[in-house]
């Protein structure tokens, strides 16, 4: 699967609001997510922590995908800026994904 197809599928999985399915399908067993929402950042390590993080996000924040404004892809990474709908209206976000074996190994994310 190309990384562009991976992103398209990731957006579809987000729309299903199923944290377990999203993490199982898209994240490596040793995945780590760093959320840059505060000065010190927040780290979620492993599928259990990622599932809990996405469960909260999908239930309390995320309301839908709007668009990708910028996209950079290399042989092992994806970097993007996008607009999403949230409970507080549209938000600009960024994500940097380091991939391994077709899944996300490291995920860095924040608000613009």
PDB file of N, CA and C in Angstrom:
ATOM      1  N   UNK A   1       0.849  -1.177   0.000  1.00  0.00           N
ATOM      2  CA  UNK A   1       0.000   0.000   0.000  1.00  0.00           C
ATOM      3  C   UNK A   1       0.894   1.240   0.000  1.00  0.00           C
ATOM      4  N   UNK A   2       0.585   2.189  -0.851  1.00  0.00           N
ATOM      5  CA  UNK A   2       1.337   3.445  -0.875  1.00  0.00           C
ATOM      6  C   UNK A   2       1.009   4.243   0.389  1.00  0.00           C
ATOM      7  N   UNK A   3       1.871   5.187   0.745  1.00  0.00           N
ATOM      8  CA  UNK A   3       1.589   6.011   1.916  1.00  0.00           C
ATOM      9  C   UNK A   3       0.370   6.901   1.690  1.00  0.00           C
ATOM     10  N   UNK A   4       0.123   7.330   0.458  1.00  0.00           N
ATOM     11  CA  UNK A   4      -1.083   8.112   0.155  1.00  0.00           C
ATOM     12  C   UNK A   4      -2.330   7.256   0.422  1.00  0.00           C
ATOM     13  N   UNK A   5      -2.301   6.005  -0.007  1.00  0.00           N
ATOM     14  CA  UNK A   5      -3.424   5.096   0.259  1.00  0.00           C
ATOM     15  C   UNK A   5      -3.553   4.843   1.763  1.00  0.00           C
ATOM     16  N   UNK A   6      -2.431   4.754   2.462  1.00  0.00           N
ATOM     17  CA  UNK A   6      -2.450   4.576   3.917  1.00  0.00           C
ATOM     18  C   UNK A   6      -3.183   5.745   4.580  1.00  0.00           C
ATOM     19  N   UNK A   7      -2.850   6.978   4.154  1.00  0.00           N
ATOM     20  CA  UNK A   7      -3.497   8.160   4.724  1.00  0.00           C
ATOM     21  C   UNK A   7      -4.996   8.136   4.450  1.00  0.00           C
ATOM     22  N   UNK A   8      -5.370   7.836   3.220  1.00  0.00           N
ATOM     23  CA  UNK A   8      -6.793   7.771   2.867  1.00  0.00           C
ATOM     24  C   UNK A   8      -7.522   6.761   3.744  1.00  0.00           C
ATOM     25  N   UNK A   9      -6.910   5.603   3.965  1.00  0.00           N
ATOM     26  CA  UNK A   9      -7.516   4.577   4.810  1.00  0.00           C
ATOM     27  C   UNK A   9      -7.552   5.021   6.274  1.00  0.00           C
ATOM     28  N   UNK A  10      -6.514   5.697   6.732  1.00  0.00           N
ATOM     29  CA  UNK A  10      -6.461   6.199   8.110  1.00  0.00           C
ATOM     30  C   UNK A  10      -7.629   7.161   8.364  1.00  0.00           C
ATOM     31  N   UNK A  11      -7.884   8.047   7.404  1.00  0.00           N
ATOM     32  CA  UNK A  11      -9.001   8.988   7.521  1.00  0.00           C
ATOM     33  C   UNK A  11     -10.331   8.229   7.573  1.00  0.00           C
ATOM     34  N   UNK A  12     -10.467   7.186   6.766  1.00  0.00           N
ATOM     35  CA  UNK A  12     -11.692   6.365   6.792  1.00  0.00           C
ATOM     36  C   UNK A  12     -11.869   5.696   8.159  1.00  0.00           C
ATOM     37  N   UNK A  13     -10.775   5.192   8.718  1.00  0.00           N
ATOM     38  CA  UNK A  13     -10.857   4.555  10.033  1.00  0.00           C
ATOM     39  C   UNK A  13     -11.218   5.562  11.119  1.00  0.00           C
ATOM     40  N   UNK A  14     -10.682   6.773  11.044  1.00  0.00           N
ATOM     41  CA  UNK A  14     -11.060   7.811  12.005  1.00  0.00           C
ATOM     42  C   UNK A  14     -12.566   8.066  11.943  1.00  0.00           C
ATOM     43  N   UNK A  15     -13.123   8.057  10.736  1.00  0.00           N
ATOM     44  CA  UNK A  15     -14.560   8.310  10.544  1.00  0.00           C
ATOM     45  C   UNK A  15     -15.426   7.225  11.159  1.00  0.00           C
ATOM     46  N   UNK A  16     -14.862   6.056  11.412  1.00  0.00           N
ATOM     47  CA  UNK A  16     -15.608   4.971  12.050  1.00  0.00           C
ATOM     48  C   UNK A  16     -15.668   5.126  13.570  1.00  0.00           C
ATOM     49  N   UNK A  17     -14.864   6.019  14.134  1.00  0.00           N
ATOM     50  CA  UNK A  17     -14.837   6.298  15.573  1.00  0.00           C
ATOM     51  C   UNK A  17     -14.599   5.030  16.396  1.00  0.00           C
ATOM     52  N   UNK A  18     -13.734   4.154  15.902  1.00  0.00           N
ATOM     53  CA  UNK A  18     -13.402   2.894  16.577  1.00  0.00           C
ATOM     54  C   UNK A  18     -11.902   2.889  16.878  1.00  0.00           C
ATOM     55  N   UNK A  19     -11.551   3.272  18.102  1.00  0.00           N
ATOM     56  CA  UNK A  19     -10.148   3.387  18.491  1.00  0.00           C
ATOM     57  C   UNK A  19      -9.405   2.061  18.391  1.00  0.00           C
ATOM     58  N   UNK A  20     -10.031   0.973  18.787  1.00  0.00           N
ATOM     59  CA  UNK A  20      -9.387  -0.344  18.744  1.00  0.00           C
ATOM     60  C   UNK A  20      -9.020  -0.706  17.306  1.00  0.00           C
ATOM     61  N   UNK A  21      -9.973  -0.570  16.406  1.00  0.00           N
ATOM     62  CA  UNK A  21      -9.729  -0.901  14.998  1.00  0.00           C
ATOM     63  C   UNK A  21      -8.650  -0.008  14.396  1.00  0.00           C
ATOM     64  N   UNK A  22      -8.696   1.286  14.694  1.00  0.00           N
ATOM     65  CA  UNK A  22      -7.705   2.226  14.183  1.00  0.00           C
ATOM     66  C   UNK A  22      -6.292   1.845  14.622  1.00  0.00           C
ATOM     67  N   UNK A  23      -6.116   1.602  15.896  1.00  0.00           N
ATOM     68  CA  UNK A  23      -4.784   1.280  16.424  1.00  0.00           C
ATOM     69  C   UNK A  23      -4.313  -0.081  15.913  1.00  0.00           C
ATOM     70  N   UNK A  24      -5.171  -1.067  15.926  1.00  0.00           N
ATOM     71  CA  UNK A  24      -4.774  -2.400  15.445  1.00  0.00           C
ATOM     72  C   UNK A  24      -4.364  -2.375  13.972  1.00  0.00           C
ATOM     73  N   UNK A  25      -5.080  -1.613  13.178  1.00  0.00           N
ATOM     74  CA  UNK A  25      -4.816  -1.577  11.741  1.00  0.00           C
ATOM     75  C   UNK A  25      -3.599  -0.728  11.379  1.00  0.00           C
ATOM     76  N   UNK A  26      -3.418   0.414  12.054  1.00  0.00           N
ATOM     77  CA  UNK A  26      -2.456   1.412  11.582  1.00  0.00           C
ATOM     78  C   UNK A  26      -1.192   1.565  12.416  1.00  0.00           C
ATOM     79  N   UNK A  27      -1.145   1.008  13.614  1.00  0.00           N
ATOM     80  CA  UNK A  27      -0.006   1.249  14.501  1.00  0.00           C
ATOM     81  C   UNK A  27       0.795  -0.018  14.761  1.00  0.00           C
ATOM     82  N   UNK A  28       2.109   0.131  14.719  1.00  0.00           N
ATOM     83  CA  UNK A  28       3.060  -0.935  15.010  1.00  0.00           C
ATOM     84  C   UNK A  28       2.909  -1.337  16.481  1.00  0.00           C
ATOM     85  N   UNK A  29       3.266  -2.559  16.803  1.00  0.00           N
ATOM     86  CA  UNK A  29       3.167  -3.035  18.189  1.00  0.00           C
ATOM     87  C   UNK A  29       3.949  -2.158  19.168  1.00  0.00           C
ATOM     88  N   UNK A  30       5.059  -1.583  18.728  1.00  0.00           N
ATOM     89  CA  UNK A  30       5.913  -0.756  19.583  1.00  0.00           C
ATOM     90  C   UNK A  30       5.699   0.741  19.357  1.00  0.00           C
ATOM     91  N   UNK A  31       4.549   1.121  18.854  1.00  0.00           N
ATOM     92  CA  UNK A  31       4.292   2.513  18.488  1.00  0.00           C
ATOM     93  C   UNK A  31       4.310   3.451  19.695  1.00  0.00           C
ATOM     94  N   UNK A  32       4.748   4.681  19.423  1.00  0.00           N
ATOM     95  CA  UNK A  32       4.758   5.755  20.405  1.00  0.00           C
ATOM     96  C   UNK A  32       4.167   6.994  19.736  1.00  0.00           C
ATOM     97  N   UNK A  33       3.281   7.681  20.467  1.00  0.00           N
ATOM     98  CA  UNK A  33       2.713   8.940  19.990  1.00  0.00           C
ATOM     99  C   UNK A  33       3.120  10.058  20.935  1.00  0.00           C
ATOM    100  N   UNK A  34       3.580  11.161  20.354  1.00  0.00           N
ATOM    101  CA  UNK A  34       3.920  12.348  21.130  1.00  0.00           C
ATOM    102  C   UNK A  34       2.962  13.454  20.709  1.00  0.00           C
ATOM    103  N   UNK A  35       2.129  13.889  21.639  1.00  0.00           N
ATOM    104  CA  UNK A  35       1.166  14.961  21.389  1.00  0.00           C
ATOM    105  C   UNK A  35       1.743  16.270  21.925  1.00  0.00           C
ATOM    106  N   UNK A  36       1.930  17.220  21.040  1.00  0.00           N
ATOM    107  CA  UNK A  36       2.513  18.498  21.423  1.00  0.00           C
ATOM    108  C   UNK A  36       1.398  19.510  21.691  1.00  0.00           C
ATOM    109  N   UNK A  37       0.648  19.251  22.746  1.00  0.00           N
ATOM    110  CA  UNK A  37      -0.479  20.106  23.107  1.00  0.00           C
ATOM    111  C   UNK A  37      -0.191  20.957  24.330  1.00  0.00           C
ATOM    112  N   UNK A  38       0.944  20.728  24.953  1.00  0.00           N
ATOM    113  CA  UNK A  38       1.370  21.497  26.109  1.00  0.00           C
ATOM    114  C   UNK A  38       2.891  21.655  26.018  1.00  0.00           C
ATOM    115  N   UNK A  39       3.484  22.530  26.805  1.00  0.00           N
ATOM    116  CA  UNK A  39       4.933  22.753  26.699  1.00  0.00           C
ATOM    117  C   UNK A  39       5.784  21.487  26.856  1.00  0.00           C
ATOM    118  N   UNK A  40       5.349  20.545  27.675  1.00  0.00           N
ATOM    119  CA  UNK A  40       6.144  19.328  27.886  1.00  0.00           C
ATOM    120  C   UNK A  40       5.717  18.170  26.994  1.00  0.00           C
ATOM    121  N   UNK A  41       4.635  18.305  26.274  1.00  0.00           N
ATOM    122  CA  UNK A  41       4.158  17.217  25.423  1.00  0.00           C
ATOM    123  C   UNK A  41       3.558  16.092  26.249  1.00  0.00           C
ATOM    124  N   UNK A  42       2.856  15.210  25.579  1.00  0.00           N
ATOM    125  CA  UNK A  42       2.240  14.047  26.214  1.00  0.00           C
ATOM    126  C   UNK A  42       2.625  12.828  25.396  1.00  0.00           C
ATOM    127  N   UNK A  43       3.076  11.760  26.056  1.00  0.00           N
ATOM    128  CA  UNK A  43       3.551  10.570  25.366  1.00  0.00           C
ATOM    129  C   UNK A  43       2.646   9.385  25.679  1.00  0.00           C
ATOM    130  N   UNK A  44       2.244   8.676  24.620  1.00  0.00           N
ATOM    131  CA  UNK A  44       1.494   7.426  24.758  1.00  0.00           C
ATOM    132  C   UNK A  44       2.322   6.334  24.094  1.00  0.00           C
ATOM    133  N   UNK A  45       2.698   5.303  24.845  1.00  0.00           N
ATOM    134  CA  UNK A  45       3.542   4.221  24.347  1.00  0.00           C
ATOM    135  C   UNK A  45       2.793   2.897  24.371  1.00  0.00           C
ATOM    136  N   UNK A  46       2.804   2.204  23.244  1.00  0.00           N
ATOM    137  CA  UNK A  46       2.174   0.898  23.149  1.00  0.00           C
ATOM    138  C   UNK A  46       0.715   0.983  22.739  1.00  0.00           C
ATOM    139  N   UNK A  47       0.208  -0.129  22.249  1.00  0.00           N
ATOM    140  CA  UNK A  47      -1.155  -0.149  21.708  1.00  0.00           C
ATOM    141  C   UNK A  47      -2.223   0.141  22.754  1.00  0.00           C
ATOM    142  N   UNK A  48      -2.044  -0.309  23.980  1.00  0.00           N
ATOM    143  CA  UNK A  48      -3.048  -0.058  25.012  1.00  0.00           C
ATOM    144  C   UNK A  48      -3.166   1.438  25.290  1.00  0.00           C
ATOM    145  N   UNK A  49      -2.035   2.118  25.441  1.00  0.00           N
ATOM    146  CA  UNK A  49      -2.050   3.558  25.696  1.00  0.00           C
ATOM    147  C   UNK A  49      -2.570   4.326  24.482  1.00  0.00           C
ATOM    148  N   UNK A  50      -2.192   3.895  23.291  1.00  0.00           N
ATOM    149  CA  UNK A  50      -2.677   4.551  22.072  1.00  0.00           C
ATOM    150  C   UNK A  50      -4.188   4.383  21.927  1.00  0.00           C
ATOM    151  N   UNK A  51      -4.685   3.198  22.216  1.00  0.00           N
ATOM    152  CA  UNK A  51      -6.120   2.951  22.133  1.00  0.00           C
ATOM    153  C   UNK A  51      -6.874   3.850  23.114  1.00  0.00           C
ATOM    154  N   UNK A  52      -6.365   3.984  24.332  1.00  0.00           N
ATOM    155  CA  UNK A  52      -7.007   4.857  25.319  1.00  0.00           C
ATOM    156  C   UNK A  52      -6.980   6.313  24.839  1.00  0.00           C
ATOM    157  N   UNK A  53      -5.845   6.746  24.268  1.00  0.00           N
ATOM    158  CA  UNK A  53      -5.723   8.114  23.779  1.00  0.00           C
ATOM    159  C   UNK A  53      -6.712   8.377  22.639  1.00  0.00           C
ATOM    160  N   UNK A  54      -6.763   7.462  21.674  1.00  0.00           N
ATOM    161  CA  UNK A  54      -7.685   7.629  20.547  1.00  0.00           C
ATOM    162  C   UNK A  54      -9.137   7.496  20.966  1.00  0.00           C
ATOM    163  N   UNK A  55      -9.429   6.640  21.937  1.00  0.00           N
ATOM    164  CA  UNK A  55     -10.798   6.508  22.421  1.00  0.00           C
ATOM    165  C   UNK A  55     -11.281   7.846  22.979  1.00  0.00           C
ATOM    166  N   UNK A  56     -10.458   8.484  23.784  1.00  0.00           N
ATOM    167  CA  UNK A  56     -10.799   9.799  24.328  1.00  0.00           C
ATOM    168  C   UNK A  56     -10.951  10.826  23.200  1.00  0.00           C
ATOM    169  N   UNK A  57      -9.986  10.857  22.298  1.00  0.00           N
ATOM    170  CA  UNK A  57      -9.980  11.802  21.183  1.00  0.00           C
ATOM    171  C   UNK A  57     -11.225  11.656  20.312  1.00  0.00           C
ATOM    172  N   UNK A  58     -11.565  10.435  19.956  1.00  0.00           N
ATOM    173  CA  UNK A  58     -12.707  10.200  19.075  1.00  0.00           C
ATOM    174  C   UNK A  58     -14.044  10.481  19.763  1.00  0.00           C
ATOM    175  N   UNK A  59     -14.112  10.273  21.062  1.00  0.00           N
ATOM    176  CA  UNK A  59     -15.359  10.518  21.789  1.00  0.00           C
ATOM    177  C   UNK A  59     -15.545  11.982  22.168  1.00  0.00           C
ATOM    178  N   UNK A  60     -14.439  12.691  22.418  1.00  0.00           N
ATOM    179  CA  UNK A  60     -14.545  14.012  23.016  1.00  0.00           C
ATOM    180  C   UNK A  60     -14.038  15.187  22.180  1.00  0.00           C
ATOM    181  N   UNK A  61     -13.306  14.913  21.105  1.00  0.00           N
ATOM    182  CA  UNK A  61     -12.692  16.013  20.355  1.00  0.00           C
ATOM    183  C   UNK A  61     -13.000  15.936  18.862  1.00  0.00           C
ATOM    184  N   UNK A  62     -12.619  14.862  18.220  1.00  0.00           N
ATOM    185  CA  UNK A  62     -12.691  14.727  16.759  1.00  0.00           C
ATOM    186  C   UNK A  62     -14.130  14.607  16.272  1.00  0.00           C
ATOM    187  N   UNK A  63     -14.440  15.364  15.215  1.00  0.00           N
ATOM    188  CA  UNK A  63     -15.773  15.282  14.619  1.00  0.00           C
ATOM    189  C   UNK A  63     -15.727  15.057  13.113  1.00  0.00           C
ATOM    190  N   UNK A  64     -14.533  15.065  12.519  1.00  0.00           N
ATOM    191  CA  UNK A  64     -14.450  14.767  11.098  1.00  0.00           C
ATOM    192  C   UNK A  64     -13.261  15.423  10.420  1.00  0.00           C
ATOM    193  N   UNK A  65     -12.916  14.873   9.274  1.00  0.00           N
ATOM    194  CA  UNK A  65     -11.805  15.338   8.456  1.00  0.00           C
ATOM    195  C   UNK A  65     -12.306  16.359   7.455  1.00  0.00           C
ATOM    196  N   UNK A  66     -11.537  17.430   7.236  1.00  0.00           N
ATOM    197  CA  UNK A  66     -11.885  18.449   6.250  1.00  0.00           C
ATOM    198  C   UNK A  66     -10.965  18.360   5.043  1.00  0.00           C
ATOM    199  N   UNK A  67      -9.644  18.548   5.255  1.00  0.00           N
ATOM    200  CA  UNK A  67      -8.723  18.558   4.112  1.00  0.00           C
ATOM    201  C   UNK A  67      -7.272  18.447   4.563  1.00  0.00           C
ATOM    202  N   UNK A  68      -6.426  18.072   3.613  1.00  0.00           N
ATOM    203  CA  UNK A  68      -4.977  18.110   3.798  1.00  0.00           C
ATOM    204  C   UNK A  68      -4.455  19.301   3.011  1.00  0.00           C
ATOM    205  N   UNK A  69      -3.739  20.185   3.687  1.00  0.00           N
ATOM    206  CA  UNK A  69      -3.183  21.360   3.027  1.00  0.00           C
ATOM    207  C   UNK A  69      -1.758  21.121   2.536  1.00  0.00           C
ATOM    208  N   UNK A  70      -0.976  20.372   3.294  1.00  0.00           N
ATOM    209  CA  UNK A  70       0.410  20.085   2.933  1.00  0.00           C
ATOM    210  C   UNK A  70       0.686  18.616   3.192  1.00  0.00           C
ATOM    211  N   UNK A  71       1.466  18.002   2.303  1.00  0.00           N
ATOM    212  CA  UNK A  71       1.780  16.579   2.443  1.00  0.00           C
ATOM    213  C   UNK A  71       3.187  16.318   1.933  1.00  0.00           C
ATOM    214  N   UNK A  72       4.005  15.725   2.767  1.00  0.00           N
ATOM    215  CA  UNK A  72       5.354  15.319   2.379  1.00  0.00           C
ATOM    216  C   UNK A  72       5.527  13.839   2.683  1.00  0.00           C
ATOM    217  N   UNK A  73       6.039  13.095   1.715  1.00  0.00           N
ATOM    218  CA  UNK A  73       6.208  11.646   1.867  1.00  0.00           C
ATOM    219  C   UNK A  73       7.620  11.273   1.458  1.00  0.00           C
ATOM    220  N   UNK A  74       8.285  10.454   2.289  1.00  0.00           N
ATOM    221  CA  UNK A  74       9.579   9.873   1.937  1.00  0.00           C
ATOM    222  C   UNK A  74       9.421   8.355   1.947  1.00  0.00           C
ATOM    223  N   UNK A  75      10.532   7.634   1.820  1.00  0.00           N
ATOM    224  CA  UNK A  75      10.448   6.172   1.799  1.00  0.00           C
ATOM    225  C   UNK A  75      10.027   5.580   3.140  1.00  0.00           C
ATOM    226  N   UNK A  76      10.125   6.367   4.246  1.00  0.00           N
ATOM    227  CA  UNK A  76       9.769   5.825   5.563  1.00  0.00           C
ATOM    228  C   UNK A  76       8.996   6.802   6.450  1.00  0.00           C
ATOM    229  N   UNK A  77       8.470   7.877   5.852  1.00  0.00           N
ATOM    230  CA  UNK A  77       7.763   8.838   6.698  1.00  0.00           C
ATOM    231  C   UNK A  77       6.708   9.627   5.928  1.00  0.00           C
ATOM    232  N   UNK A  78       5.790  10.171   6.710  1.00  0.00           N
ATOM    233  CA  UNK A  78       4.714  11.013   6.194  1.00  0.00           C
ATOM    234  C   UNK A  78       4.643  12.242   7.105  1.00  0.00           C
ATOM    235  N   UNK A  79       4.564  13.408   6.498  1.00  0.00           N
ATOM    236  CA  UNK A  79       4.390  14.636   7.262  1.00  0.00           C
ATOM    237  C   UNK A  79       3.259  15.418   6.603  1.00  0.00           C
ATOM    238  N   UNK A  80       2.323  15.915   7.413  1.00  0.00           N
ATOM    239  CA  UNK A  80       1.199  16.618   6.816  1.00  0.00           C
ATOM    240  C   UNK A  80       0.668  17.713   7.720  1.00  0.00           C
ATOM    241  N   UNK A  81       0.014  18.674   7.083  1.00  0.00           N
ATOM    242  CA  UNK A  81      -0.791  19.671   7.762  1.00  0.00           C
ATOM    243  C   UNK A  81      -2.200  19.499   7.232  1.00  0.00           C
ATOM    244  N   UNK A  82      -3.180  19.548   8.145  1.00  0.00           N
ATOM    245  CA  UNK A  82      -4.563  19.284   7.750  1.00  0.00           C
ATOM    246  C   UNK A  82      -5.523  20.147   8.558  1.00  0.00           C
ATOM    247  N   UNK A  83      -6.769  20.138   8.124  1.00  0.00           N
ATOM    248  CA  UNK A  83      -7.856  20.777   8.849  1.00  0.00           C
ATOM    249  C   UNK A  83      -8.845  19.693   9.231  1.00  0.00           C
ATOM    250  N   UNK A  84      -9.260  19.707  10.486  1.00  0.00           N
ATOM    251  CA  UNK A  84     -10.260  18.757  10.977  1.00  0.00           C
ATOM    252  C   UNK A  84     -11.388  19.516  11.660  1.00  0.00           C
ATOM    253  N   UNK A  85     -12.522  18.879  11.783  1.00  0.00           N
ATOM    254  CA  UNK A  85     -13.618  19.403  12.590  1.00  0.00           C
ATOM    255  C   UNK A  85     -13.480  18.833  13.992  1.00  0.00           C
ATOM    256  N   UNK A  86     -13.670  19.692  14.983  1.00  0.00           N
ATOM    257  CA  UNK A  86     -13.628  19.275  16.385  1.00  0.00           C
ATOM    258  C   UNK A  86     -14.871  19.803  17.090  1.00  0.00           C
ATOM    259  N   UNK A  87     -15.007  19.462  18.348  1.00  0.00           N
ATOM    260  CA  UNK A  87     -16.132  19.982  19.126  1.00  0.00           C
ATOM    261  C   UNK A  87     -16.062  21.508  19.231  1.00  0.00           C
ATOM    262  N   UNK A  88     -14.891  22.095  19.004  1.00  0.00           N
ATOM    263  CA  UNK A  88     -14.709  23.545  19.056  1.00  0.00           C
ATOM    264  C   UNK A  88     -14.649  24.182  17.678  1.00  0.00           C
ATOM    265  N   UNK A  89     -15.058  23.454  16.637  1.00  0.00           N
ATOM    266  CA  UNK A  89     -15.008  23.977  15.277  1.00  0.00           C
ATOM    267  C   UNK A  89     -13.782  23.479  14.532  1.00  0.00           C
ATOM    268  N   UNK A  90     -13.487  24.095  13.398  1.00  0.00           N
ATOM    269  CA  UNK A  90     -12.335  23.668  12.590  1.00  0.00           C
ATOM    270  C   UNK A  90     -11.022  23.998  13.293  1.00  0.00           C
ATOM    271  N   UNK A  91     -10.084  23.061  13.190  1.00  0.00           N
ATOM    272  CA  UNK A  91      -8.750  23.227  13.759  1.00  0.00           C
ATOM    273  C   UNK A  91      -7.710  22.837  12.730  1.00  0.00           C
ATOM    274  N   UNK A  92      -6.601  23.555  12.710  1.00  0.00           N
ATOM    275  CA  UNK A  92      -5.448  23.204  11.880  1.00  0.00           C
ATOM    276  C   UNK A  92      -4.540  22.308  12.719  1.00  0.00           C
ATOM    277  N   UNK A  93      -4.153  21.172  12.145  1.00  0.00           N
ATOM    278  CA  UNK A  93      -3.293  20.218  12.854  1.00  0.00           C
ATOM    279  C   UNK A  93      -2.103  19.844  11.986  1.00  0.00           C
ATOM    280  N   UNK A  94      -1.079  19.285  12.613  1.00  0.00           N
ATOM    281  CA  UNK A  94       0.057  18.724  11.881  1.00  0.00           C
ATOM    282  C   UNK A  94       0.361  17.353  12.465  1.00  0.00           C
ATOM    283  N   UNK A  95       0.885  16.482  11.615  1.00  0.00           N
ATOM    284  CA  UNK A  95       1.283  15.138  12.033  1.00  0.00           C
ATOM    285  C   UNK A  95       2.547  14.754  11.293  1.00  0.00           C
ATOM    286  N   UNK A  96       3.465  14.131  12.000  1.00  0.00           N
ATOM    287  CA  UNK A  96       4.654  13.535  11.403  1.00  0.00           C
ATOM    288  C   UNK A  96       4.665  12.070  11.809  1.00  0.00           C
ATOM    289  N   UNK A  97       4.721  11.180  10.820  1.00  0.00           N
ATOM    290  CA  UNK A  97       4.631   9.745  11.058  1.00  0.00           C
ATOM    291  C   UNK A  97       5.876   9.050  10.534  1.00  0.00           C
ATOM    292  N   UNK A  98       6.553   8.320  11.405  1.00  0.00           N
ATOM    293  CA  UNK A  98       7.669   7.480  10.985  1.00  0.00           C
ATOM    294  C   UNK A  98       7.119   6.072  10.866  1.00  0.00           C
ATOM    295  N   UNK A  99       7.253   5.489   9.697  1.00  0.00           N
ATOM    296  CA  UNK A  99       6.621   4.204   9.393  1.00  0.00           C
ATOM    297  C   UNK A  99       7.619   3.041   9.480  1.00  0.00           C
ATOM    298  N   UNK A 100       7.102   1.882   9.857  1.00  0.00           N
ATOM    299  CA  UNK A 100       7.884   0.647   9.865  1.00  0.00           C
ATOM    300  C   UNK A 100       6.940  -0.492   9.510  1.00  0.00           C
ATOM    301  N   UNK A 101       7.314  -1.292   8.528  1.00  0.00           N
ATOM    302  CA  UNK A 101       6.506  -2.445   8.109  1.00  0.00           C
ATOM    303  C   UNK A 101       5.068  -2.050   7.739  1.00  0.00           C
ATOM    304  N   UNK A 102       4.902  -0.862   7.144  1.00  0.00           N
ATOM    305  CA  UNK A 102       3.591  -0.416   6.699  1.00  0.00           C
ATOM    306  C   UNK A 102       2.683   0.129   7.788  1.00  0.00           C
ATOM    307  N   UNK A 103       3.228   0.313   8.997  1.00  0.00           N
ATOM    308  CA  UNK A 103       2.435   0.835  10.115  1.00  0.00           C
ATOM    309  C   UNK A 103       3.196   1.974  10.777  1.00  0.00           C
ATOM    310  N   UNK A 104       2.478   2.756  11.571  1.00  0.00           N
ATOM    311  CA  UNK A 104       3.082   3.887  12.263  1.00  0.00           C
ATOM    312  C   UNK A 104       3.883   3.385  13.465  1.00  0.00           C
ATOM    313  N   UNK A 105       5.169   3.753  13.488  1.00  0.00           N
ATOM    314  CA  UNK A 105       6.024   3.417  14.628  1.00  0.00           C
ATOM    315  C   UNK A 105       6.136   4.610  15.579  1.00  0.00           C
ATOM    316  N   UNK A 106       6.304   5.815  15.034  1.00  0.00           N
ATOM    317  CA  UNK A 106       6.374   7.040  15.806  1.00  0.00           C
ATOM    318  C   UNK A 106       5.405   8.056  15.202  1.00  0.00           C
ATOM    319  N   UNK A 107       4.576   8.654  16.037  1.00  0.00           N
ATOM    320  CA  UNK A 107       3.578   9.610  15.595  1.00  0.00           C
ATOM    321  C   UNK A 107       3.712  10.869  16.440  1.00  0.00           C
ATOM    322  N   UNK A 108       4.074  11.982  15.801  1.00  0.00           N
ATOM    323  CA  UNK A 108       4.186  13.271  16.450  1.00  0.00           C
ATOM    324  C   UNK A 108       3.026  14.118  15.941  1.00  0.00           C
ATOM    325  N   UNK A 109       2.302  14.779  16.850  1.00  0.00           N
ATOM    326  CA  UNK A 109       1.085  15.478  16.446  1.00  0.00           C
ATOM    327  C   UNK A 109       0.883  16.735  17.269  1.00  0.00           C
ATOM    328  N   UNK A 110       0.262  17.743  16.648  1.00  0.00           N
ATOM    329  CA  UNK A 110      -0.032  18.971  17.378  1.00  0.00           C
ATOM    330  C   UNK A 110      -0.978  19.866  16.628  1.00  0.00           C
ATOM    331  N   UNK A 111      -1.361  20.949  17.282  1.00  0.00           N
ATOM    332  CA  UNK A 111      -2.223  21.968  16.694  1.00  0.00           C
ATOM    333  C   UNK A 111      -1.355  23.072  16.118  1.00  0.00           C
ATOM    334  N   UNK A 112      -1.826  23.667  15.037  1.00  0.00           N
ATOM    335  CA  UNK A 112      -1.114  24.807  14.455  1.00  0.00           C
ATOM    336  C   UNK A 112      -1.567  26.073  15.143  1.00  0.00           C
TER     337      UNK A 112
END
